[in-house]
Amino acid sequence: MNKNILNQLDRIERNTQLAAKNVLTLEDVAVLTGLSKSHLYKLTCYKKIPHYKPNGKQIYFDRKEIEDWMKQNKVTSIDELEEAADNYLAGMGGNK
């Protein structure tokens, strides 16, 4: 088989296995977040990302906690701001 096809199949297999996991390794989180392993080590060192060290050495992560961490500090869209303003103004009209 073509080497490119084999590489793509390997990547698909790794991503499929990753999708089924709830407890993630540092390598898994690097793939999931797109962050480098060295940056993830810094984040764990400064306790900026939720993680676990059950035996004091290997670092593990909970998928849901990582997904929640990735979703923090949401930037509100223009549509959401306009909807909130419309709702606020509609509420003011009823309180006169």
C-alpha atoms as a PDB file:
ATOM      1  CA  MET A   1       0.000   0.000   0.000  1.00  0.00           C
ATOM      2  CA  ASN A   2       0.958   3.592  -0.460  1.00  0.00           C
ATOM      3  CA  LYS A   3       2.886   4.992   2.530  1.00  0.00           C
ATOM      4  CA  ASN A   4       0.604   8.056   2.654  1.00  0.00           C
ATOM      5  CA  ILE A   5      -2.484   5.836   2.948  1.00  0.00           C
ATOM      6  CA  LEU A   6      -0.846   3.804   5.729  1.00  0.00           C
ATOM      7  CA  ASN A   7      -0.018   7.009   7.627  1.00  0.00           C
ATOM      8  CA  GLN A   8      -3.605   8.224   7.268  1.00  0.00           C
ATOM      9  CA  LEU A   9      -4.968   4.886   8.481  1.00  0.00           C
ATOM     10  CA  ASP A  10      -2.611   4.985  11.462  1.00  0.00           C
ATOM     11  CA  ARG A  11      -3.765   8.520  12.335  1.00  0.00           C
ATOM     12  CA  ILE A  12      -7.436   7.495  12.040  1.00  0.00           C
ATOM     13  CA  GLU A  13      -6.819   4.509  14.320  1.00  0.00           C
ATOM     14  CA  ARG A  14      -5.074   6.683  16.945  1.00  0.00           C
ATOM     15  CA  ASN A  15      -7.872   9.261  16.858  1.00  0.00           C
ATOM     16  CA  THR A  16     -10.522   6.545  17.170  1.00  0.00           C
ATOM     17  CA  GLN A  17      -8.751   5.086  20.200  1.00  0.00           C
ATOM     18  CA  LEU A  18      -8.400   8.563  21.715  1.00  0.00           C
ATOM     19  CA  ALA A  19     -12.124   9.251  21.283  1.00  0.00           C
ATOM     20  CA  ALA A  20     -12.957   6.154  23.362  1.00  0.00           C
ATOM     21  CA  LYS A  21     -10.743   7.108  26.320  1.00  0.00           C
ATOM     22  CA  ASN A  22     -11.871   8.982  29.438  1.00  0.00           C
ATOM     23  CA  VAL A  23      -8.517   8.924  31.234  1.00  0.00           C
ATOM     24  CA  LEU A  24      -5.879  10.568  29.061  1.00  0.00           C
ATOM     25  CA  THR A  25      -2.089  10.604  29.055  1.00  0.00           C
ATOM     26  CA  LEU A  26       0.017  13.679  28.388  1.00  0.00           C
ATOM     27  CA  GLU A  27       0.415  12.549  24.777  1.00  0.00           C
ATOM     28  CA  ASP A  28      -3.358  12.170  24.405  1.00  0.00           C
ATOM     29  CA  VAL A  29      -3.960  15.691  25.756  1.00  0.00           C
ATOM     30  CA  ALA A  30      -1.313  17.091  23.418  1.00  0.00           C
ATOM     31  CA  VAL A  31      -3.215  15.580  20.461  1.00  0.00           C
ATOM     32  CA  LEU A  32      -6.611  16.670  21.814  1.00  0.00           C
ATOM     33  CA  THR A  33      -5.622  20.276  22.572  1.00  0.00           C
ATOM     34  CA  GLY A  34      -2.928  20.865  19.969  1.00  0.00           C
ATOM     35  CA  LEU A  35      -0.593  22.062  22.739  1.00  0.00           C
ATOM     36  CA  SER A  36       2.992  20.842  22.957  1.00  0.00           C
ATOM     37  CA  LYS A  37       3.967  18.368  25.655  1.00  0.00           C
ATOM     38  CA  SER A  38       6.434  20.868  27.112  1.00  0.00           C
ATOM     39  CA  HIS A  39       3.689  23.499  27.409  1.00  0.00           C
ATOM     40  CA  LEU A  40       1.396  20.954  29.067  1.00  0.00           C
ATOM     41  CA  TYR A  41       4.165  20.115  31.558  1.00  0.00           C
ATOM     42  CA  LYS A  42       4.423  23.816  32.416  1.00  0.00           C
ATOM     43  CA  LEU A  43       0.663  24.051  32.871  1.00  0.00           C
ATOM     44  CA  THR A  44       0.701  21.068  35.237  1.00  0.00           C
ATOM     45  CA  CYS A  45       3.706  22.442  37.124  1.00  0.00           C
ATOM     46  CA  TYR A  46       1.898  25.745  37.766  1.00  0.00           C
ATOM     47  CA  LYS A  47      -1.394  23.918  38.433  1.00  0.00           C
ATOM     48  CA  LYS A  48      -3.108  25.743  35.552  1.00  0.00           C
ATOM     49  CA  ILE A  49      -4.687  22.579  34.121  1.00  0.00           C
ATOM     50  CA  PRO A  50      -6.534  19.829  36.041  1.00  0.00           C
ATOM     51  CA  HIS A  51      -4.476  16.651  36.256  1.00  0.00           C
ATOM     52  CA  TYR A  52      -3.756  13.596  38.394  1.00  0.00           C
ATOM     53  CA  LYS A  53      -0.552  11.920  39.579  1.00  0.00           C
ATOM     54  CA  PRO A  54      -1.719   8.695  41.262  1.00  0.00           C
ATOM     55  CA  ASN A  55       1.783   7.355  41.916  1.00  0.00           C
ATOM     56  CA  GLY A  56       3.560  10.709  41.964  1.00  0.00           C
ATOM     57  CA  LYS A  57       5.179  10.258  38.563  1.00  0.00           C
ATOM     58  CA  GLN A  58       2.939   9.614  35.543  1.00  0.00           C
ATOM     59  CA  ILE A  59       0.463  12.415  34.750  1.00  0.00           C
ATOM     60  CA  TYR A  60      -3.124  11.631  33.803  1.00  0.00           C
ATOM     61  CA  PHE A  61      -6.041  13.809  32.793  1.00  0.00           C
ATOM     62  CA  ASP A  62      -9.812  13.434  32.829  1.00  0.00           C
ATOM     63  CA  ARG A  63     -11.291  14.028  29.369  1.00  0.00           C
ATOM     64  CA  LYS A  64     -14.337  15.986  30.638  1.00  0.00           C
ATOM     65  CA  GLU A  65     -12.155  18.219  32.814  1.00  0.00           C
ATOM     66  CA  ILE A  66      -9.849  18.945  29.872  1.00  0.00           C
ATOM     67  CA  GLU A  67     -12.794  19.720  27.602  1.00  0.00           C
ATOM     68  CA  ASP A  68     -14.245  22.034  30.291  1.00  0.00           C
ATOM     69  CA  TRP A  69     -10.819  23.655  30.737  1.00  0.00           C
ATOM     70  CA  MET A  70     -10.594  24.235  26.981  1.00  0.00           C
ATOM     71  CA  LYS A  71     -14.020  25.938  27.048  1.00  0.00           C
ATOM     72  CA  GLN A  72     -13.236  28.444  29.806  1.00  0.00           C
ATOM     73  CA  ASN A  73     -13.071  32.194  29.197  1.00  0.00           C
ATOM     74  CA  LYS A  74     -15.679  32.121  26.456  1.00  0.00           C
ATOM     75  CA  VAL A  75     -15.739  35.125  24.170  1.00  0.00           C
ATOM     76  CA  THR A  76     -19.325  36.192  23.558  1.00  0.00           C
ATOM     77  CA  SER A  77     -20.314  36.545  19.908  1.00  0.00           C
ATOM     78  CA  ILE A  78     -21.926  39.674  18.462  1.00  0.00           C
ATOM     79  CA  ASP A  79     -25.168  37.733  17.951  1.00  0.00           C
ATOM     80  CA  GLU A  80     -25.223  36.686  21.620  1.00  0.00           C
ATOM     81  CA  LEU A  81     -24.547  40.260  22.764  1.00  0.00           C
ATOM     82  CA  GLU A  82     -27.308  41.619  20.536  1.00  0.00           C
ATOM     83  CA  GLU A  83     -29.752  38.996  21.808  1.00  0.00           C
ATOM     84  CA  ALA A  84     -28.880  39.836  25.424  1.00  0.00           C
ATOM     85  CA  ALA A  85     -29.362  43.560  24.700  1.00  0.00           C
ATOM     86  CA  ASP A  86     -32.727  42.892  23.029  1.00  0.00           C
ATOM     87  CA  ASN A  87     -33.839  40.774  26.011  1.00  0.00           C
ATOM     88  CA  TYR A  88     -32.703  43.472  28.439  1.00  0.00           C
ATOM     89  CA  LEU A  89     -34.529  46.217  26.555  1.00  0.00           C
ATOM     90  CA  ALA A  90     -37.674  44.077  26.241  1.00  0.00           C
ATOM     91  CA  GLY A  91     -37.570  43.526  30.008  1.00  0.00           C
ATOM     92  CA  MET A  92     -37.220  47.243  30.674  1.00  0.00           C
ATOM     93  CA  GLY A  93     -40.328  47.987  28.641  1.00  0.00           C
ATOM     94  CA  GLY A  94     -42.392  45.673  30.816  1.00  0.00           C
ATOM     95  CA  ASN A  95     -41.180  47.282  34.066  1.00  0.00           C
ATOM     96  CA  LYS A  96     -42.459  50.811  33.389  1.00  0.00           C
END
